[in-house]
Protein backbone atom coordinates (compact mmCIF):
# COMPACT_ATOMS: atom_id res chain seq x y z
CA MET A 1 -29.54 -5.96 -41.98
CA ALA A 2 -29.31 -5.83 -46.00
CA GLU A 3 -26.54 -2.88 -47.42
CA LYS A 4 -27.99 -0.13 -49.27
CA LEU A 5 -27.94 0.45 -52.92
CA SER A 6 -26.10 3.49 -52.20
CA GLU A 7 -23.81 2.21 -48.76
CA PHE A 8 -23.15 -1.08 -51.80
CA VAL A 9 -22.12 1.12 -54.77
CA LYS A 10 -19.52 2.98 -52.82
CA ARG A 11 -17.88 0.89 -51.15
CA LYS A 12 -17.67 -1.44 -54.91
CA ARG A 13 -16.27 2.10 -56.08
CA LYS A 14 -13.69 2.96 -53.94
CA ALA A 15 -12.60 -0.72 -53.52
CA LEU A 16 -11.68 -0.22 -57.03
CA GLY A 17 -9.47 3.14 -56.66
CA ILE A 18 -12.31 5.36 -58.71
CA THR A 19 -14.23 8.63 -58.73
CA GLN A 20 -17.65 9.13 -58.98
CA ALA A 21 -16.75 10.71 -62.02
CA GLU A 22 -14.59 7.96 -63.50
CA LEU A 23 -17.43 5.25 -62.23
CA ALA A 24 -20.43 7.00 -64.33
CA ASP A 25 -18.09 6.58 -67.17
CA ARG A 26 -16.92 3.46 -67.23
CA ALA A 27 -20.49 2.06 -66.68
CA GLY A 28 -22.63 5.01 -69.10
CA VAL A 29 -24.16 6.93 -67.37
CA GLY A 30 -23.15 10.39 -66.29
CA LEU A 31 -22.05 11.90 -62.88
CA ARG A 32 -25.50 13.24 -61.40
CA PHE A 33 -27.27 10.33 -61.55
CA LEU A 34 -24.35 8.12 -59.65
CA ARG A 35 -24.35 10.78 -57.34
CA GLU A 36 -27.95 10.90 -56.87
CA LEU A 37 -27.59 6.77 -57.19
CA GLU A 38 -25.00 7.70 -53.91
CA ASN A 39 -27.20 9.26 -51.83
CA GLU A 40 -29.62 7.36 -51.79
CA LYS A 41 -32.23 9.79 -54.35
CA PRO A 42 -35.30 7.16 -53.83
CA THR A 43 -36.35 7.65 -57.39
CA LEU A 44 -34.52 6.08 -60.05
CA ARG A 45 -34.40 3.93 -63.48
CA LEU A 46 -33.63 0.83 -62.56
CA ASP A 47 -31.49 0.26 -66.10
CA LYS A 48 -29.42 2.52 -65.38
CA VAL A 49 -29.32 1.00 -61.94
CA ASN A 50 -28.47 -2.22 -63.27
CA LEU A 51 -25.80 -0.23 -66.12
CA VAL A 52 -23.37 0.60 -62.49
CA LEU A 53 -24.21 -2.56 -60.55
CA ASP A 54 -22.80 -4.69 -63.87
CA MET A 55 -19.73 -2.85 -63.35
CA PHE A 56 -19.27 -4.99 -60.26
CA GLY A 57 -20.80 -8.03 -62.05
CA CYS A 58 -24.34 -7.57 -59.77
CA GLU A 59 -28.06 -6.80 -61.28
CA MET A 60 -31.28 -5.81 -59.73
CA GLY A 61 -34.32 -7.29 -60.12
CA PRO A 62 -37.08 -9.48 -58.57
CA VAL A 63 -36.30 -10.66 -55.18
CA ARG A 64 -39.22 -12.49 -53.32
CA LYS A 65 -40.34 -10.60 -50.15
CA ASP A 66 -39.06 -12.33 -46.98
CA ASP A 67 -42.16 -13.31 -44.85
CA ASN A 68 -41.48 -13.00 -42.64
CA SER A 69 -40.38 -8.93 -41.70
């Protein structure tokens, strides 16, 4: 099973040893947005998600669905 986006961000942030506020500042997003991301808010702006993911060398985009799901 694939890791949830919220879990991925939280795990990577903790691996860097930084707080939510520090990651938000470095990524150029608000602290509220980062908290919502880590708490699995169902609707988030993709451009802001990608600002956070860029801190870990990643990005979100179109991915073909697995036909076996």
